[in-house]
Amino acid sequence: MAVRMKDIAKDLGVSVITVSKALRNHTDISAATRARVLKRVAELNYQPNYAAQALVTGRTHTMGLIVPDLVHSFHSEIAKGLASILSKSGYGLVISSSEENPEVEKKAIDQLIARRVDALLVASTQWSPEAFCRVEDAEIPYILLDRFFSGLSANFVGVDDVLVGKLATNHLVEIGCRTIAHIGGLRISPAFGRMQGYKKALADHNLPYRPDYVVTHDRLDESARSAGFNATKKLLALKPRPDGIFCFSDAIAIGSMKAILESGLRIPEDIALVGCSNVHYGSFLLVPLTSVDQQSVAIGQRAARLALSLLDAKGTSKPKTILLEPTLVVRDSSKKSSAPPHSD
């Protein structure tokens, strides 16, 4: 016969509520009591029956995560950060990929609502917040990750994308670049933020913003490498040729790197390159890539803690915005041997 929570409680002489709190890593029981409970749980190989508990508590002890893709490490790192916190509180994570397709995302949202996940976390590909009205109607707490909607009052955890654009562009200016191009995106909030940071950094250094030196692309994940390659080919045909390129993501920067090298140009001597995401393999590329680190694991961890606090909160609370500060990781793609002096 399967071990029940009340069996453990009776065995230890504590209440069922105490056992439940120990399993959820609740803070209002002592460390000694928690240790006793967890020791007995391990000895008896107790497995919580969440389906049965859900009938009583309304909680399924699962959260849903929807991301644009599972190929690029940024989203998998967010999932890693989420799982590291949620597992300690007895929550499972159901992960779905929208494949950068708004319709696929809507179906994934509906499926997770039907599964009655306790909370929903979404890095959305939508161009409007309409789909989240259904989540609100289902009374499921949700958190937007990395991408937000202007005008939608919702919990959000991400990075300061304006600062991302400024960090990357300022760095290119500081190493001597004067004709700086940007390969970016459309419609989603990180693309707008990074473009704004790019423009602001140019203005701060009295450098002109030239629309011809900006190439945007709709799909920034699945076809990012080819987008970066084709965009860079266009930029290389301009006169004067760019001497620095800031890319929306590392995946785009990898495509850009291929186009530059195939054209017989050198990185960074002819064109310096900066990406964004700081993927793990960035230091192993043919030219190790300078990148802006978005603290992807930390985004997941902060989002998990926020989700748990929403579930513990009594009543509704004002949506929270948590912005993490990006950092620049400098590698060979922007390490020029000598930068020419300049004055702003």
C-alpha atoms as a PDB file:
ATOM      1  CA  MET A   1       0.000   0.000   0.000  1.00  0.00           C
ATOM      2  CA  ALA A   2       1.281   3.453  -0.889  1.00  0.00           C
ATOM      3  CA  VAL A   3       2.555   5.580   1.977  1.00  0.00           C
ATOM      4  CA  ARG A   4       0.254   8.507   2.749  1.00  0.00           C
ATOM      5  CA  MET A   5       1.060  11.884   4.237  1.00  0.00           C
ATOM      6  CA  LYS A   6      -1.011  11.114   7.330  1.00  0.00           C
ATOM      7  CA  ASP A   7       1.035   7.915   7.848  1.00  0.00           C
ATOM      8  CA  ILE A   8       4.214   9.994   8.066  1.00  0.00           C
ATOM      9  CA  ALA A   9       2.510  12.508  10.377  1.00  0.00           C
ATOM     10  CA  LYS A  10       1.302   9.746  12.730  1.00  0.00           C
ATOM     11  CA  ASP A  11       4.723   8.064  12.673  1.00  0.00           C
ATOM     12  CA  LEU A  12       6.482  11.303  13.690  1.00  0.00           C
ATOM     13  CA  GLY A  13       3.789  12.604  16.036  1.00  0.00           C
ATOM     14  CA  VAL A  14       3.195  15.767  14.046  1.00  0.00           C
ATOM     15  CA  SER A  15       0.239  17.145  12.099  1.00  0.00           C
ATOM     16  CA  VAL A  16      -0.443  16.508   8.418  1.00  0.00           C
ATOM     17  CA  ILE A  17      -0.098  20.264   7.884  1.00  0.00           C
ATOM     18  CA  THR A  18       3.431  20.134   9.313  1.00  0.00           C
ATOM     19  CA  VAL A  19       4.390  17.349   6.908  1.00  0.00           C
ATOM     20  CA  SER A  20       2.893  19.317   4.019  1.00  0.00           C
ATOM     21  CA  LYS A  21       4.828  22.447   4.977  1.00  0.00           C
ATOM     22  CA  ALA A  22       8.075  20.477   5.250  1.00  0.00           C
ATOM     23  CA  LEU A  23       7.558  19.065   1.756  1.00  0.00           C
ATOM     24  CA  ARG A  24       6.899  22.582   0.417  1.00  0.00           C
ATOM     25  CA  ASN A  25       9.974  23.991   2.194  1.00  0.00           C
ATOM     26  CA  HIS A  26       7.710  26.382   4.111  1.00  0.00           C
ATOM     27  CA  THR A  27       9.489  28.856   6.374  1.00  0.00           C
ATOM     28  CA  ASP A  28       7.223  28.730   9.439  1.00  0.00           C
ATOM     29  CA  ILE A  29       8.415  25.330  10.706  1.00  0.00           C
ATOM     30  CA  SER A  30      11.785  24.722  12.339  1.00  0.00           C
ATOM     31  CA  ALA A  31      14.771  23.367  10.456  1.00  0.00           C
ATOM     32  CA  ALA A  32      14.929  20.419  12.849  1.00  0.00           C
ATOM     33  CA  THR A  33      11.290  19.456  12.196  1.00  0.00           C
ATOM     34  CA  ARG A  34      11.746  19.817   8.459  1.00  0.00           C
ATOM     35  CA  ALA A  35      14.833  17.585   8.601  1.00  0.00           C
ATOM     36  CA  ARG A  36      12.939  14.915  10.588  1.00  0.00           C
ATOM     37  CA  VAL A  37      10.078  14.905   8.101  1.00  0.00           C
ATOM     38  CA  LEU A  38      12.296  14.823   5.011  1.00  0.00           C
ATOM     39  CA  LYS A  39      14.403  12.023   6.506  1.00  0.00           C
ATOM     40  CA  ARG A  40      11.298   9.894   7.074  1.00  0.00           C
ATOM     41  CA  VAL A  41       9.943  10.769   3.621  1.00  0.00           C
ATOM     42  CA  ALA A  42      13.173   9.511   2.045  1.00  0.00           C
ATOM     43  CA  GLU A  43      13.189   6.341   4.154  1.00  0.00           C
ATOM     44  CA  LEU A  44       9.637   5.474   3.124  1.00  0.00           C
ATOM     45  CA  ASN A  45      10.057   6.658  -0.494  1.00  0.00           C
ATOM     46  CA  TYR A  46       6.922   8.750  -0.125  1.00  0.00           C
ATOM     47  CA  GLN A  47       5.539  10.196  -3.373  1.00  0.00           C
ATOM     48  CA  PRO A  48       2.925  12.963  -3.036  1.00  0.00           C
ATOM     49  CA  ASN A  49      -0.387  12.245  -4.770  1.00  0.00           C
ATOM     50  CA  TYR A  50      -0.892  15.640  -6.350  1.00  0.00           C
ATOM     51  CA  ALA A  51      -4.000  14.529  -8.232  1.00  0.00           C
ATOM     52  CA  ALA A  52      -5.710  13.686  -4.940  1.00  0.00           C
ATOM     53  CA  GLN A  53      -4.440  16.857  -3.281  1.00  0.00           C
ATOM     54  CA  ALA A  54      -5.716  18.955  -6.163  1.00  0.00           C
ATOM     55  CA  LEU A  55      -9.281  17.813  -5.456  1.00  0.00           C
ATOM     56  CA  VAL A  56      -8.970  19.304  -1.963  1.00  0.00           C
ATOM     57  CA  THR A  57      -6.638  22.273  -2.438  1.00  0.00           C
ATOM     58  CA  GLY A  58      -7.268  23.210  -6.067  1.00  0.00           C
ATOM     59  CA  ARG A  59      -3.497  23.089  -6.613  1.00  0.00           C
ATOM     60  CA  THR A  60      -1.865  20.752  -9.157  1.00  0.00           C
ATOM     61  CA  HIS A  61       1.705  21.600  -8.055  1.00  0.00           C
ATOM     62  CA  THR A  62       2.659  22.223 -11.667  1.00  0.00           C
ATOM     63  CA  MET A  63       3.545  25.415 -13.509  1.00  0.00           C
ATOM     64  CA  GLY A  64       3.550  25.951 -17.243  1.00  0.00           C
ATOM     65  CA  LEU A  65       6.367  27.526 -19.242  1.00  0.00           C
ATOM     66  CA  ILE A  66       5.969  28.577 -22.888  1.00  0.00           C
ATOM     67  CA  VAL A  67       9.035  29.759 -24.800  1.00  0.00           C
ATOM     68  CA  PRO A  68       9.574  30.663 -28.482  1.00  0.00           C
ATOM     69  CA  ASP A  69      11.955  27.742 -29.037  1.00  0.00           C
ATOM     70  CA  LEU A  70      13.966  25.099 -27.225  1.00  0.00           C
ATOM     71  CA  VAL A  71      16.981  25.281 -29.554  1.00  0.00           C
ATOM     72  CA  HIS A  72      18.764  28.365 -28.283  1.00  0.00           C
ATOM     73  CA  SER A  73      20.285  28.268 -24.841  1.00  0.00           C
ATOM     74  CA  PHE A  74      18.731  31.518 -23.574  1.00  0.00           C
ATOM     75  CA  HIS A  75      15.318  29.916 -23.058  1.00  0.00           C
ATOM     76  CA  SER A  76      16.696  26.615 -21.793  1.00  0.00           C
ATOM     77  CA  GLU A  77      18.715  28.561 -19.209  1.00  0.00           C
ATOM     78  CA  ILE A  78      15.547  30.325 -18.069  1.00  0.00           C
ATOM     79  CA  ALA A  79      13.900  26.898 -17.695  1.00  0.00           C
ATOM     80  CA  LYS A  80      16.913  25.690 -15.706  1.00  0.00           C
ATOM     81  CA  GLY A  81      16.624  28.639 -13.318  1.00  0.00           C
ATOM     82  CA  LEU A  82      12.889  28.090 -12.889  1.00  0.00           C
ATOM     83  CA  ALA A  83      13.215  24.369 -12.210  1.00  0.00           C
ATOM     84  CA  SER A  84      16.019  24.865  -9.677  1.00  0.00           C
ATOM     85  CA  ILE A  85      13.690  26.917  -7.457  1.00  0.00           C
ATOM     86  CA  LEU A  86      10.359  25.220  -8.138  1.00  0.00           C
ATOM     87  CA  SER A  87      11.626  21.697  -7.459  1.00  0.00           C
ATOM     88  CA  LYS A  88      12.622  22.716  -3.927  1.00  0.00           C
ATOM     89  CA  SER A  89       9.017  23.716  -3.289  1.00  0.00           C
ATOM     90  CA  GLY A  90       7.569  20.520  -4.741  1.00  0.00           C
ATOM     91  CA  TYR A  91       6.481  21.997  -8.070  1.00  0.00           C
ATOM     92  CA  GLY A  92       6.905  20.444 -11.497  1.00  0.00           C
ATOM     93  CA  LEU A  93       7.407  22.403 -14.711  1.00  0.00           C
ATOM     94  CA  VAL A  94       5.557  21.654 -17.958  1.00  0.00           C
ATOM     95  CA  ILE A  95       7.503  23.173 -20.869  1.00  0.00           C
ATOM     96  CA  SER A  96       6.074  23.961 -24.293  1.00  0.00           C
ATOM     97  CA  SER A  97       7.591  25.587 -27.384  1.00  0.00           C
ATOM     98  CA  SER A  98       5.544  28.023 -29.461  1.00  0.00           C
ATOM     99  CA  GLU A  99       8.003  27.681 -32.374  1.00  0.00           C
ATOM    100  CA  GLU A 100       7.873  31.503 -32.665  1.00  0.00           C
ATOM    101  CA  ASN A 101       4.288  31.077 -33.911  1.00  0.00           C
ATOM    102  CA  PRO A 102       1.496  33.093 -32.204  1.00  0.00           C
ATOM    103  CA  GLU A 103      -1.175  30.506 -33.084  1.00  0.00           C
ATOM    104  CA  VAL A 104       0.883  27.648 -31.650  1.00  0.00           C
ATOM    105  CA  GLU A 105       1.388  29.735 -28.505  1.00  0.00           C
ATOM    106  CA  LYS A 106      -2.358  30.331 -28.131  1.00  0.00           C
ATOM    107  CA  LYS A 107      -3.014  26.578 -28.334  1.00  0.00           C
ATOM    108  CA  ALA A 108      -0.282  25.915 -25.753  1.00  0.00           C
ATOM    109  CA  ILE A 109      -1.859  28.469 -23.417  1.00  0.00           C
ATOM    110  CA  ASP A 110      -5.265  26.796 -23.802  1.00  0.00           C
ATOM    111  CA  GLN A 111      -3.776  23.344 -23.134  1.00  0.00           C
ATOM    112  CA  LEU A 112      -2.023  24.516 -19.972  1.00  0.00           C
ATOM    113  CA  ILE A 113      -5.198  26.231 -18.762  1.00  0.00           C
ATOM    114  CA  ALA A 114      -7.045  22.942 -19.335  1.00  0.00           C
ATOM    115  CA  ARG A 115      -4.403  21.150 -17.255  1.00  0.00           C
ATOM    116  CA  ARG A 116      -5.059  23.668 -14.482  1.00  0.00           C
ATOM    117  CA  VAL A 117      -1.453  24.626 -13.944  1.00  0.00           C
ATOM    118  CA  ASP A 118      -1.075  26.722 -10.806  1.00  0.00           C
ATOM    119  CA  ALA A 119       0.782  29.479 -12.656  1.00  0.00           C
ATOM    120  CA  LEU A 120       1.826  30.250 -16.220  1.00  0.00           C
ATOM    121  CA  LEU A 121       5.134  31.762 -17.372  1.00  0.00           C
ATOM    122  CA  VAL A 122       5.386  32.926 -20.977  1.00  0.00           C
ATOM    123  CA  ALA A 123       8.076  34.392 -23.219  1.00  0.00           C
ATOM    124  CA  SER A 124       5.462  35.458 -25.723  1.00  0.00           C
ATOM    125  CA  THR A 125       5.568  35.643 -29.515  1.00  0.00           C
ATOM    126  CA  GLN A 126       2.205  37.445 -29.617  1.00  0.00           C
ATOM    127  CA  TRP A 127       1.863  40.893 -31.121  1.00  0.00           C
ATOM    128  CA  SER A 128      -1.088  41.745 -28.885  1.00  0.00           C
ATOM    129  CA  PRO A 129      -2.029  40.702 -25.334  1.00  0.00           C
ATOM    130  CA  GLU A 130      -5.407  39.239 -26.339  1.00  0.00           C
ATOM    131  CA  ALA A 131      -4.470  35.640 -25.453  1.00  0.00           C
ATOM    132  CA  PHE A 132      -3.758  36.602 -21.856  1.00  0.00           C
ATOM    133  CA  CYS A 133      -7.369  37.676 -21.316  1.00  0.00           C
ATOM    134  CA  ARG A 134      -8.198  33.936 -21.350  1.00  0.00           C
ATOM    135  CA  VAL A 135      -5.567  33.314 -18.673  1.00  0.00           C
ATOM    136  CA  GLU A 136      -7.044  36.085 -16.530  1.00  0.00           C
ATOM    137  CA  ASP A 137     -10.563  34.683 -17.048  1.00  0.00           C
ATOM    138  CA  ALA A 138      -9.279  31.298 -15.827  1.00  0.00           C
ATOM    139  CA  GLU A 139      -7.905  33.085 -12.736  1.00  0.00           C
ATOM    140  CA  ILE A 140      -4.444  31.611 -13.225  1.00  0.00           C
ATOM    141  CA  PRO A 141      -1.525  33.857 -12.158  1.00  0.00           C
ATOM    142  CA  TYR A 142       0.878  34.517 -15.020  1.00  0.00           C
ATOM    143  CA  ILE A 143       4.257  36.125 -15.537  1.00  0.00           C
ATOM    144  CA  LEU A 144       5.662  37.478 -18.786  1.00  0.00           C
ATOM    145  CA  LEU A 145       9.326  36.605 -19.351  1.00  0.00           C
ATOM    146  CA  ASP A 146      11.779  38.631 -21.461  1.00  0.00           C
ATOM    147  CA  ARG A 147       8.962  40.146 -23.564  1.00  0.00           C
ATOM    148  CA  PHE A 148       6.165  42.435 -22.380  1.00  0.00           C
ATOM    149  CA  PHE A 149       3.224  44.273 -23.931  1.00  0.00           C
ATOM    150  CA  SER A 150       2.913  48.025 -23.712  1.00  0.00           C
ATOM    151  CA  GLY A 151      -0.318  48.888 -21.925  1.00  0.00           C
ATOM    152  CA  LEU A 152      -0.833  45.429 -20.372  1.00  0.00           C
ATOM    153  CA  SER A 153      -0.634  45.464 -16.584  1.00  0.00           C
ATOM    154  CA  ALA A 154       1.084  42.143 -15.918  1.00  0.00           C
ATOM    155  CA  ASN A 155       3.904  40.634 -13.882  1.00  0.00           C
ATOM    156  CA  PHE A 156       7.162  40.786 -15.832  1.00  0.00           C
ATOM    157  CA  VAL A 157      10.684  39.468 -15.308  1.00  0.00           C
ATOM    158  CA  GLY A 158      13.397  40.301 -17.803  1.00  0.00           C
ATOM    159  CA  VAL A 159      16.444  42.384 -18.531  1.00  0.00           C
ATOM    160  CA  ASP A 160      16.769  46.127 -19.144  1.00  0.00           C
ATOM    161  CA  ASP A 161      16.882  45.955 -22.959  1.00  0.00           C
ATOM    162  CA  VAL A 162      17.608  49.660 -23.407  1.00  0.00           C
ATOM    163  CA  LEU A 163      20.740  49.103 -21.340  1.00  0.00           C
ATOM    164  CA  VAL A 164      21.575  46.048 -23.481  1.00  0.00           C
ATOM    165  CA  GLY A 165      21.619  48.253 -26.585  1.00  0.00           C
ATOM    166  CA  LYS A 166      23.620  50.967 -24.858  1.00  0.00           C
ATOM    167  CA  LEU A 167      26.223  48.562 -23.470  1.00  0.00           C
ATOM    168  CA  ALA A 168      26.850  46.928 -26.838  1.00  0.00           C
ATOM    169  CA  THR A 169      26.957  50.171 -28.846  1.00  0.00           C
ATOM    170  CA  ASN A 170      29.012  52.106 -26.287  1.00  0.00           C
ATOM    171  CA  HIS A 171      31.567  49.310 -26.324  1.00  0.00           C
ATOM    172  CA  LEU A 172      31.869  49.463 -30.103  1.00  0.00           C
ATOM    173  CA  VAL A 173      32.374  53.233 -29.930  1.00  0.00           C
ATOM    174  CA  GLU A 174      34.979  52.864 -27.188  1.00  0.00           C
ATOM    175  CA  ILE A 175      37.098  50.499 -29.312  1.00  0.00           C
ATOM    176  CA  GLY A 176      37.098  53.025 -32.166  1.00  0.00           C
ATOM    177  CA  CYS A 177      34.111  52.084 -34.346  1.00  0.00           C
ATOM    178  CA  ARG A 178      32.371  55.011 -36.034  1.00  0.00           C
ATOM    179  CA  THR A 179      30.027  53.398 -38.563  1.00  0.00           C
ATOM    180  CA  ILE A 180      27.999  51.054 -36.358  1.00  0.00           C
ATOM    181  CA  ALA A 181      25.219  48.924 -37.794  1.00  0.00           C
ATOM    182  CA  HIS A 182      22.461  47.060 -35.977  1.00  0.00           C
ATOM    183  CA  ILE A 183      20.718  43.821 -36.917  1.00  0.00           C
ATOM    184  CA  GLY A 184      17.519  43.736 -34.903  1.00  0.00           C
ATOM    185  CA  GLY A 185      13.920  42.632 -34.779  1.00  0.00           C
ATOM    186  CA  LEU A 186      10.376  43.837 -35.142  1.00  0.00           C
ATOM    187  CA  ARG A 187       7.313  44.027 -32.909  1.00  0.00           C
ATOM    188  CA  ILE A 188       8.617  42.344 -29.735  1.00  0.00           C
ATOM    189  CA  SER A 189       9.638  44.513 -26.770  1.00  0.00           C
ATOM    190  CA  PRO A 190      13.327  43.422 -26.538  1.00  0.00           C
ATOM    191  CA  ALA A 191      13.814  44.512 -30.155  1.00  0.00           C
ATOM    192  CA  PHE A 192      12.360  47.961 -29.433  1.00  0.00           C
ATOM    193  CA  GLY A 193      14.412  48.324 -26.254  1.00  0.00           C
ATOM    194  CA  ARG A 194      17.717  47.338 -27.833  1.00  0.00           C
ATOM    195  CA  MET A 195      17.072  49.603 -30.817  1.00  0.00           C
ATOM    196  CA  GLN A 196      16.353  52.468 -28.423  1.00  0.00           C
ATOM    197  CA  GLY A 197      19.592  51.789 -26.539  1.00  0.00           C
ATOM    198  CA  TYR A 198      21.533  51.648 -29.832  1.00  0.00           C
ATOM    199  CA  LYS A 199      20.139  55.014 -30.930  1.00  0.00           C
ATOM    200  CA  LYS A 200      20.747  56.606 -27.534  1.00  0.00           C
ATOM    201  CA  ALA A 201      24.382  55.458 -27.445  1.00  0.00           C
ATOM    202  CA  LEU A 202      25.006  56.888 -30.929  1.00  0.00           C
ATOM    203  CA  ALA A 203      23.472  60.208 -29.872  1.00  0.00           C
ATOM    204  CA  ASP A 204      25.511  60.271 -26.657  1.00  0.00           C
ATOM    205  CA  HIS A 205      28.690  60.058 -28.769  1.00  0.00           C
ATOM    206  CA  ASN A 206      27.499  62.555 -31.405  1.00  0.00           C
ATOM    207  CA  LEU A 207      27.347  59.824 -34.044  1.00  0.00           C
ATOM    208  CA  PRO A 208      24.539  59.927 -36.628  1.00  0.00           C
ATOM    209  CA  TYR A 209      21.732  57.377 -36.703  1.00  0.00           C
ATOM    210  CA  ARG A 210      21.517  56.096 -40.272  1.00  0.00           C
ATOM    211  CA  PRO A 211      18.450  53.951 -41.095  1.00  0.00           C
ATOM    212  CA  ASP A 212      20.339  52.217 -43.934  1.00  0.00           C
ATOM    213  CA  TYR A 213      22.628  50.679 -41.317  1.00  0.00           C
ATOM    214  CA  VAL A 214      19.751  49.003 -39.482  1.00  0.00           C
ATOM    215  CA  VAL A 215      18.342  45.705 -40.771  1.00  0.00           C
ATOM    216  CA  THR A 216      15.359  44.146 -39.008  1.00  0.00           C
ATOM    217  CA  HIS A 217      13.926  40.655 -39.213  1.00  0.00           C
ATOM    218  CA  ASP A 218      10.611  39.193 -38.037  1.00  0.00           C
ATOM    219  CA  ARG A 219      11.743  35.760 -36.835  1.00  0.00           C
ATOM    220  CA  LEU A 220      14.626  36.085 -34.415  1.00  0.00           C
ATOM    221  CA  ASP A 221      15.039  32.528 -33.144  1.00  0.00           C
ATOM    222  CA  GLU A 222      14.378  29.683 -35.548  1.00  0.00           C
ATOM    223  CA  SER A 223      16.026  31.291 -38.606  1.00  0.00           C
ATOM    224  CA  ALA A 224      18.331  33.673 -36.761  1.00  0.00           C
ATOM    225  CA  ARG A 225      21.614  32.480 -38.270  1.00  0.00           C
ATOM    226  CA  SER A 226      20.427  32.863 -41.855  1.00  0.00           C
ATOM    227  CA  ALA A 227      18.860  36.228 -40.956  1.00  0.00           C
ATOM    228  CA  GLY A 228      22.191  37.408 -39.570  1.00  0.00           C
ATOM    229  CA  PHE A 229      24.053  36.147 -42.633  1.00  0.00           C
ATOM    230  CA  ASN A 230      21.707  37.811 -45.161  1.00  0.00           C
ATOM    231  CA  ALA A 231      21.484  41.068 -43.207  1.00  0.00           C
ATOM    232  CA  THR A 232      25.260  41.329 -43.006  1.00  0.00           C
ATOM    233  CA  LYS A 233      25.609  40.776 -46.752  1.00  0.00           C
ATOM    234  CA  LYS A 234      23.396  43.836 -47.248  1.00  0.00           C
ATOM    235  CA  LEU A 235      25.399  45.869 -44.775  1.00  0.00           C
ATOM    236  CA  LEU A 236      28.717  44.958 -46.402  1.00  0.00           C
ATOM    237  CA  ALA A 237      27.500  46.471 -49.681  1.00  0.00           C
ATOM    238  CA  LEU A 238      27.061  49.892 -48.083  1.00  0.00           C
ATOM    239  CA  LYS A 239      29.577  52.690 -48.505  1.00  0.00           C
ATOM    240  CA  PRO A 240      31.146  53.303 -46.128  1.00  0.00           C
ATOM    241  CA  ARG A 241      31.109  49.740 -44.894  1.00  0.00           C
ATOM    242  CA  PRO A 242      30.232  49.301 -41.200  1.00  0.00           C
ATOM    243  CA  ASP A 243      33.209  48.922 -38.892  1.00  0.00           C
ATOM    244  CA  GLY A 244      31.058  47.550 -36.060  1.00  0.00           C
ATOM    245  CA  ILE A 245      27.829  45.524 -35.869  1.00  0.00           C
ATOM    246  CA  PHE A 246      25.573  45.062 -32.848  1.00  0.00           C
ATOM    247  CA  CYS A 247      23.328  42.018 -33.239  1.00  0.00           C
ATOM    248  CA  PHE A 248      20.042  41.385 -31.426  1.00  0.00           C
ATOM    249  CA  SER A 249      21.209  37.893 -30.407  1.00  0.00           C
ATOM    250  CA  ASP A 250      24.223  35.612 -30.476  1.00  0.00           C
ATOM    251  CA  ALA A 251      22.484  33.404 -33.038  1.00  0.00           C
ATOM    252  CA  ILE A 252      22.195  36.392 -35.395  1.00  0.00           C
ATOM    253  CA  ALA A 253      25.821  37.317 -34.638  1.00  0.00           C
ATOM    254  CA  ILE A 254      26.959  33.810 -35.643  1.00  0.00           C
ATOM    255  CA  GLY A 255      25.327  34.259 -39.059  1.00  0.00           C
ATOM    256  CA  SER A 256      26.863  37.717 -39.310  1.00  0.00           C
ATOM    257  CA  MET A 257      30.294  36.317 -38.458  1.00  0.00           C
ATOM    258  CA  LYS A 258      30.027  33.780 -41.277  1.00  0.00           C
ATOM    259  CA  ALA A 259      29.140  36.496 -43.802  1.00  0.00           C
ATOM    260  CA  ILE A 260      32.034  38.723 -42.718  1.00  0.00           C
ATOM    261  CA  LEU A 261      34.631  35.962 -42.838  1.00  0.00           C
ATOM    262  CA  GLU A 262      33.361  34.618 -46.167  1.00  0.00           C
ATOM    263  CA  SER A 263      33.794  38.129 -47.596  1.00  0.00           C
ATOM    264  CA  GLY A 264      37.501  37.967 -46.777  1.00  0.00           C
ATOM    265  CA  LEU A 265      37.243  40.523 -43.968  1.00  0.00           C
ATOM    266  CA  ARG A 266      38.752  40.196 -40.515  1.00  0.00           C
ATOM    267  CA  ILE A 267      37.021  40.271 -37.139  1.00  0.00           C
ATOM    268  CA  PRO A 268      37.563  42.594 -35.324  1.00  0.00           C
ATOM    269  CA  GLU A 269      40.211  44.418 -37.383  1.00  0.00           C
ATOM    270  CA  ASP A 270      37.813  45.267 -40.229  1.00  0.00           C
ATOM    271  CA  ILE A 271      34.472  44.797 -38.473  1.00  0.00           C
ATOM    272  CA  ALA A 272      33.953  44.329 -34.735  1.00  0.00           C
ATOM    273  CA  LEU A 273      30.982  42.213 -33.671  1.00  0.00           C
ATOM    274  CA  VAL A 274      28.812  42.139 -30.528  1.00  0.00           C
ATOM    275  CA  GLY A 275      25.923  39.745 -29.847  1.00  0.00           C
ATOM    276  CA  CYS A 276      23.466  39.270 -27.022  1.00  0.00           C
ATOM    277  CA  SER A 277      22.653  36.205 -24.853  1.00  0.00           C
ATOM    278  CA  ASN A 278      26.201  35.068 -24.012  1.00  0.00           C
ATOM    279  CA  VAL A 279      25.590  31.493 -25.172  1.00  0.00           C
ATOM    280  CA  HIS A 280      27.860  28.881 -23.625  1.00  0.00           C
ATOM    281  CA  TYR A 281      29.624  28.072 -26.882  1.00  0.00           C
ATOM    282  CA  GLY A 282      30.374  31.735 -27.652  1.00  0.00           C
ATOM    283  CA  SER A 283      33.979  31.370 -26.497  1.00  0.00           C
ATOM    284  CA  PHE A 284      34.491  28.350 -28.794  1.00  0.00           C
ATOM    285  CA  LEU A 285      33.510  30.030 -32.076  1.00  0.00           C
ATOM    286  CA  LEU A 286      36.098  30.614 -34.789  1.00  0.00           C
ATOM    287  CA  VAL A 287      36.277  34.150 -33.429  1.00  0.00           C
ATOM    288  CA  PRO A 288      35.152  34.092 -29.770  1.00  0.00           C
ATOM    289  CA  LEU A 289      32.105  36.336 -29.560  1.00  0.00           C
ATOM    290  CA  THR A 290      31.678  39.425 -27.395  1.00  0.00           C
ATOM    291  CA  SER A 291      28.161  39.332 -26.000  1.00  0.00           C
ATOM    292  CA  VAL A 292      25.777  40.980 -23.547  1.00  0.00           C
ATOM    293  CA  ASP A 293      24.835  38.529 -20.802  1.00  0.00           C
ATOM    294  CA  GLN A 294      21.105  38.719 -19.987  1.00  0.00           C
ATOM    295  CA  GLN A 295      21.356  36.690 -16.750  1.00  0.00           C
ATOM    296  CA  SER A 296      19.033  34.039 -18.182  1.00  0.00           C
ATOM    297  CA  VAL A 297      19.307  31.648 -15.219  1.00  0.00           C
ATOM    298  CA  ALA A 298      18.634  34.518 -12.810  1.00  0.00           C
ATOM    299  CA  ILE A 299      15.556  35.520 -14.841  1.00  0.00           C
ATOM    300  CA  GLY A 300      14.203  32.005 -14.308  1.00  0.00           C
ATOM    301  CA  GLN A 301      15.026  32.016 -10.601  1.00  0.00           C
ATOM    302  CA  ARG A 302      13.452  35.417  -9.960  1.00  0.00           C
ATOM    303  CA  ALA A 303      10.366  34.421 -11.966  1.00  0.00           C
ATOM    304  CA  ALA A 304      10.003  31.200  -9.945  1.00  0.00           C
ATOM    305  CA  ARG A 305      10.168  33.067  -6.651  1.00  0.00           C
ATOM    306  CA  LEU A 306       7.646  35.603  -7.926  1.00  0.00           C
ATOM    307  CA  ALA A 307       5.288  32.819  -9.071  1.00  0.00           C
ATOM    308  CA  LEU A 308       5.469  31.133  -5.665  1.00  0.00           C
ATOM    309  CA  SER A 309       4.779  34.426  -3.912  1.00  0.00           C
ATOM    310  CA  LEU A 310       1.734  35.006  -6.127  1.00  0.00           C
ATOM    311  CA  LEU A 311       0.342  31.619  -5.104  1.00  0.00           C
ATOM    312  CA  ASP A 312       0.949  32.340  -1.416  1.00  0.00           C
ATOM    313  CA  ALA A 313      -0.547  35.839  -1.581  1.00  0.00           C
ATOM    314  CA  LYS A 314      -4.007  36.406  -0.191  1.00  0.00           C
ATOM    315  CA  GLY A 315      -6.087  38.405  -2.642  1.00  0.00           C
ATOM    316  CA  THR A 316      -4.811  40.270  -5.671  1.00  0.00           C
ATOM    317  CA  SER A 317      -1.751  42.489  -5.680  1.00  0.00           C
ATOM    318  CA  LYS A 318      -0.323  45.078  -8.032  1.00  0.00           C
ATOM    319  CA  PRO A 319       1.705  43.435 -10.855  1.00  0.00           C
ATOM    320  CA  LYS A 320       5.459  43.511 -10.314  1.00  0.00           C
ATOM    321  CA  THR A 321       8.188  44.348 -12.832  1.00  0.00           C
ATOM    322  CA  ILE A 322      11.604  42.863 -12.146  1.00  0.00           C
ATOM    323  CA  LEU A 323      14.414  44.132 -14.391  1.00  0.00           C
ATOM    324  CA  LEU A 324      17.833  42.506 -14.158  1.00  0.00           C
ATOM    325  CA  GLU A 325      20.943  44.406 -15.172  1.00  0.00           C
ATOM    326  CA  PRO A 326      22.837  43.038 -18.192  1.00  0.00           C
ATOM    327  CA  THR A 327      26.626  42.773 -18.298  1.00  0.00           C
ATOM    328  CA  LEU A 328      29.072  42.900 -21.197  1.00  0.00           C
ATOM    329  CA  VAL A 329      31.383  39.920 -21.736  1.00  0.00           C
ATOM    330  CA  VAL A 330      34.270  40.999 -23.980  1.00  0.00           C
ATOM    331  CA  ARG A 331      35.944  38.419 -26.220  1.00  0.00           C
ATOM    332  CA  ASP A 332      38.060  38.448 -29.386  1.00  0.00           C
ATOM    333  CA  SER A 333      35.314  39.633 -31.774  1.00  0.00           C
ATOM    334  CA  SER A 334      35.719  43.167 -30.381  1.00  0.00           C
ATOM    335  CA  LYS A 335      39.257  43.171 -29.017  1.00  0.00           C
ATOM    336  CA  LYS A 336      41.063  45.524 -31.357  1.00  0.00           C
ATOM    337  CA  SER A 337      44.793  45.788 -30.845  1.00  0.00           C
ATOM    338  CA  SER A 338      44.590  49.560 -30.751  1.00  0.00           C
ATOM    339  CA  ALA A 339      41.633  51.901 -30.892  1.00  0.00           C
ATOM    340  CA  PRO A 340      42.113  55.271 -32.595  1.00  0.00           C
ATOM    341  CA  PRO A 341      41.672  58.294 -30.315  1.00  0.00           C
ATOM    342  CA  HIS A 342      38.440  60.220 -30.672  1.00  0.00           C
ATOM    343  CA  SER A 343      36.608  63.172 -29.202  1.00  0.00           C
ATOM    344  CA  ASP A 344      32.853  63.509 -28.861  1.00  0.00           C
END
